[in-house]
Amino acid sequence: MENFAIKNPGRRNFLRTAPIAAAAGFALADGSLFASPAAGQSAAPAAAATIQLFTAQAIQEDIKALQAKPGNNNLVDAKSLPFTMVLTTETAKSAKEFEWHEGRDHVLQIMDGATVYEVGGTPKDGRNTKPGEWLAPGSDGAATLTLKKGDMLVIPRGTPHKRSTAESVTFLLISPMGTAKP
């Protein structure tokens, strides 16, 4: 039997956690997420968060239920992890104003249907609605994007955005929260 030693435990930790961090929107340059244990210490498993598995079957069942009764299914909340994850179905719904957030990003994937996003630009007559949250009736120079099943959109914090759904859309939204590092 051969004995294989781990030559670079920091790389192993990075490869183990990078996909999760990327999905949650963490900067991969944040060394604290992937830090190697100090010399002579073994790596202990993190106890802070519970691993959650969302099977394809469970997601399809959630989508079917939401399409029967549109709304939100909060899959992960920010109480235990620094992001939220919500499965949403909406029908014939349009935002009245652009919104943007100082402390969270959006990563969304269209699971079914289609929607139109207006993103970017310079907000006109913006107002602060609560700490870190803003609304504006318009945004000069915003781009209009039509998203359909399978499309994914990343909206960085501070970017004005507004959604309009003519018919029906089901999407998964992941919103990483916290302070962004330059």
Protein backbone atom coordinates (compact mmCIF):
# COMPACT_ATOMS: atom_id res chain seq x y z
CA MET A 1 0.00 0.00 0.00
CA GLU A 2 1.38 3.38 -1.00
CA ASN A 3 1.41 6.30 1.37
CA PHE A 4 0.35 9.59 -0.22
CA ALA A 5 1.03 12.78 1.68
CA ILE A 6 -0.79 15.98 0.96
CA LYS A 7 1.89 18.27 -0.39
CA ASN A 8 -0.14 21.48 -0.26
CA PRO A 9 -3.05 21.38 2.22
CA GLY A 10 -3.92 25.03 1.42
CA ARG A 11 -4.59 24.04 -2.21
CA ARG A 12 -6.74 21.14 -1.03
CA ASN A 13 -8.81 23.47 1.17
CA PHE A 14 -9.12 25.95 -1.69
CA LEU A 15 -10.29 23.29 -4.16
CA ARG A 16 -12.78 21.96 -1.61
CA THR A 17 -14.36 25.36 -0.88
CA ALA A 18 -13.90 27.41 -4.08
CA PRO A 19 -17.10 26.20 -5.84
CA ILE A 20 -19.21 26.95 -2.77
CA ALA A 21 -17.58 30.35 -2.32
CA ALA A 22 -18.05 31.20 -5.99
CA ALA A 23 -21.73 30.24 -5.85
CA ALA A 24 -22.19 32.42 -2.79
CA GLY A 25 -20.31 35.28 -4.43
CA PHE A 26 -17.30 35.44 -2.15
CA ALA A 27 -14.10 36.88 -3.51
CA LEU A 28 -11.74 33.97 -4.10
CA ALA A 29 -8.85 36.19 -3.04
CA ASP A 30 -10.15 36.22 0.53
CA GLY A 31 -7.47 34.05 2.12
CA SER A 32 -9.37 33.66 5.37
CA LEU A 33 -11.86 31.33 3.68
CA PHE A 34 -9.12 29.01 2.48
CA ALA A 35 -6.50 29.40 5.17
CA SER A 36 -4.25 26.45 5.91
CA PRO A 37 -4.06 25.24 9.48
CA ALA A 38 -1.04 26.39 11.45
CA ALA A 39 1.99 24.13 11.39
CA GLY A 40 1.44 21.01 13.46
CA GLN A 41 -2.34 21.39 13.61
CA SER A 42 -4.89 19.33 11.76
CA ALA A 43 -7.74 20.93 9.84
CA ALA A 44 -10.97 20.77 11.85
CA PRO A 45 -14.32 20.78 10.09
CA ALA A 46 -16.29 24.01 10.31
CA ALA A 47 -19.24 23.74 12.67
CA ALA A 48 -20.96 27.06 11.95
CA ALA A 49 -23.24 26.14 9.03
CA THR A 50 -25.25 23.06 8.16
CA ILE A 51 -24.71 21.48 4.76
CA GLN A 52 -27.87 21.57 2.68
CA LEU A 53 -28.61 19.48 -0.39
CA PHE A 54 -31.27 20.57 -2.87
CA THR A 55 -31.96 17.60 -5.12
CA ALA A 56 -33.17 18.10 -8.68
CA GLN A 57 -36.40 16.31 -7.73
CA ALA A 58 -37.02 18.61 -4.75
CA ILE A 59 -36.34 21.70 -6.84
CA GLN A 60 -38.74 20.48 -9.56
CA GLU A 61 -41.42 19.84 -6.92
CA ASP A 62 -40.89 23.35 -5.53
CA ILE A 63 -41.14 24.84 -9.03
CA LYS A 64 -44.37 22.95 -9.71
CA ALA A 65 -45.87 24.17 -6.42
CA LEU A 66 -44.81 27.77 -7.10
CA GLN A 67 -46.21 27.69 -10.61
CA ALA A 68 -49.56 26.58 -9.16
CA LYS A 69 -49.40 29.35 -6.55
CA PRO A 70 -46.83 32.06 -7.50
CA GLY A 71 -44.65 33.46 -4.75
CA ASN A 72 -41.34 32.83 -2.99
CA ASN A 73 -39.75 29.79 -1.42
CA ASN A 74 -36.88 30.90 0.84
CA LEU A 75 -34.39 28.05 0.56
CA VAL A 76 -31.56 29.66 2.58
CA ASP A 77 -31.80 32.72 4.79
CA ALA A 78 -29.05 35.02 5.95
CA LYS A 79 -29.39 33.97 9.59
CA SER A 80 -27.02 31.03 9.21
CA LEU A 81 -25.02 31.91 6.08
CA PRO A 82 -23.95 35.25 4.55
CA PHE A 83 -26.40 34.92 1.65
CA THR A 84 -30.01 34.22 0.85
CA MET A 85 -31.30 31.82 -1.78
CA VAL A 86 -34.89 32.14 -2.99
CA LEU A 87 -36.89 30.27 -5.61
CA THR A 88 -39.54 32.61 -7.06
CA THR A 89 -42.39 32.36 -9.53
CA GLU A 90 -44.21 35.49 -10.64
CA THR A 91 -46.90 36.12 -13.24
CA ALA A 92 -47.61 39.44 -15.01
CA LYS A 93 -45.64 41.53 -12.52
CA SER A 94 -43.49 44.61 -13.08
CA ALA A 95 -41.43 46.65 -10.65
CA LYS A 96 -42.41 50.31 -10.57
CA GLU A 97 -38.90 51.53 -9.74
CA PHE A 98 -35.25 50.62 -10.03
CA GLU A 99 -33.62 49.29 -6.88
CA TRP A 100 -30.02 48.84 -5.80
CA HIS A 101 -28.27 47.61 -2.69
CA GLU A 102 -25.02 48.60 -0.98
CA GLY A 103 -24.51 45.33 0.86
CA ARG A 104 -25.63 42.54 -1.47
CA ASP A 105 -25.21 41.21 -4.96
CA HIS A 106 -27.69 39.17 -7.02
CA VAL A 107 -27.00 36.01 -8.97
CA LEU A 108 -30.10 34.70 -10.67
CA GLN A 109 -30.87 31.86 -13.01
CA ILE A 110 -34.07 31.53 -14.99
CA MET A 111 -35.55 28.08 -14.36
CA ASP A 112 -38.64 28.51 -16.56
CA GLY A 113 -40.40 31.25 -18.52
CA ALA A 114 -38.97 34.66 -19.33
CA THR A 115 -38.54 38.14 -17.87
CA VAL A 116 -37.00 41.47 -18.82
CA TYR A 117 -34.37 43.18 -16.68
CA GLU A 118 -33.28 46.77 -16.97
CA VAL A 119 -29.82 47.05 -15.39
CA GLY A 120 -27.18 49.70 -14.85
CA GLY A 121 -27.20 53.32 -15.80
CA THR A 122 -27.38 56.35 -13.56
CA PRO A 123 -30.38 56.51 -11.21
CA LYS A 124 -32.62 59.59 -11.45
CA ASP A 125 -34.15 61.00 -8.28
CA GLY A 126 -32.94 58.11 -6.12
CA ARG A 127 -33.90 57.92 -2.49
CA ASN A 128 -32.69 55.86 0.44
CA THR A 129 -35.52 53.64 1.75
CA LYS A 130 -33.60 51.92 4.56
CA PRO A 131 -29.92 51.40 5.39
CA GLY A 132 -28.11 50.27 2.23
CA GLU A 133 -31.29 50.11 0.10
CA TRP A 134 -32.24 52.56 -2.63
CA LEU A 135 -35.09 53.19 -5.11
CA ALA A 136 -35.39 55.48 -8.14
CA PRO A 137 -38.14 55.94 -10.75
CA GLY A 138 -35.61 55.79 -13.62
CA SER A 139 -32.01 55.06 -14.54
CA ASP A 140 -30.45 56.89 -17.51
CA GLY A 141 -28.54 54.55 -19.79
CA ALA A 142 -29.85 51.28 -18.33
CA ALA A 143 -29.47 48.22 -20.59
CA THR A 144 -32.53 46.07 -21.31
CA LEU A 145 -31.97 42.31 -21.18
CA THR A 146 -34.52 39.61 -22.00
CA LEU A 147 -33.79 36.52 -19.94
CA LYS A 148 -35.26 33.10 -20.72
CA LYS A 149 -34.98 29.56 -19.38
CA GLY A 150 -31.37 28.65 -18.65
CA ASP A 151 -30.04 32.23 -18.69
CA MET A 152 -28.06 33.53 -15.71
CA LEU A 153 -27.50 37.14 -14.68
CA VAL A 154 -25.08 38.57 -12.12
CA ILE A 155 -25.96 42.01 -10.73
CA PRO A 156 -23.16 43.46 -8.59
CA ARG A 157 -24.06 45.48 -5.51
CA GLY A 158 -24.69 49.14 -6.27
CA THR A 159 -26.13 48.39 -9.73
CA PRO A 160 -29.65 49.71 -10.40
CA HIS A 161 -32.02 47.01 -11.65
CA LYS A 162 -35.70 46.52 -12.38
CA ARG A 163 -37.64 43.41 -13.51
CA SER A 164 -40.77 43.19 -15.69
CA THR A 165 -42.51 39.89 -16.36
CA ALA A 166 -45.23 39.92 -19.02
CA GLU A 167 -46.30 36.29 -18.64
CA SER A 168 -44.61 33.97 -16.13
CA VAL A 169 -41.08 33.36 -14.86
CA THR A 170 -39.53 31.05 -12.29
CA PHE A 171 -36.01 31.89 -11.14
CA LEU A 172 -33.48 31.06 -8.48
CA LEU A 173 -31.96 34.11 -6.78
CA ILE A 174 -28.80 33.94 -4.67
CA SER A 175 -27.93 37.16 -2.84
CA PRO A 176 -24.50 37.23 -1.16
CA MET A 177 -24.40 39.80 1.63
CA GLY A 178 -21.78 41.64 3.60
CA THR A 179 -18.89 43.95 2.96
CA ALA A 180 -17.21 43.59 -0.42
CA LYS A 181 -13.42 43.62 -0.45
CA PRO A 182 -11.68 45.65 -3.15
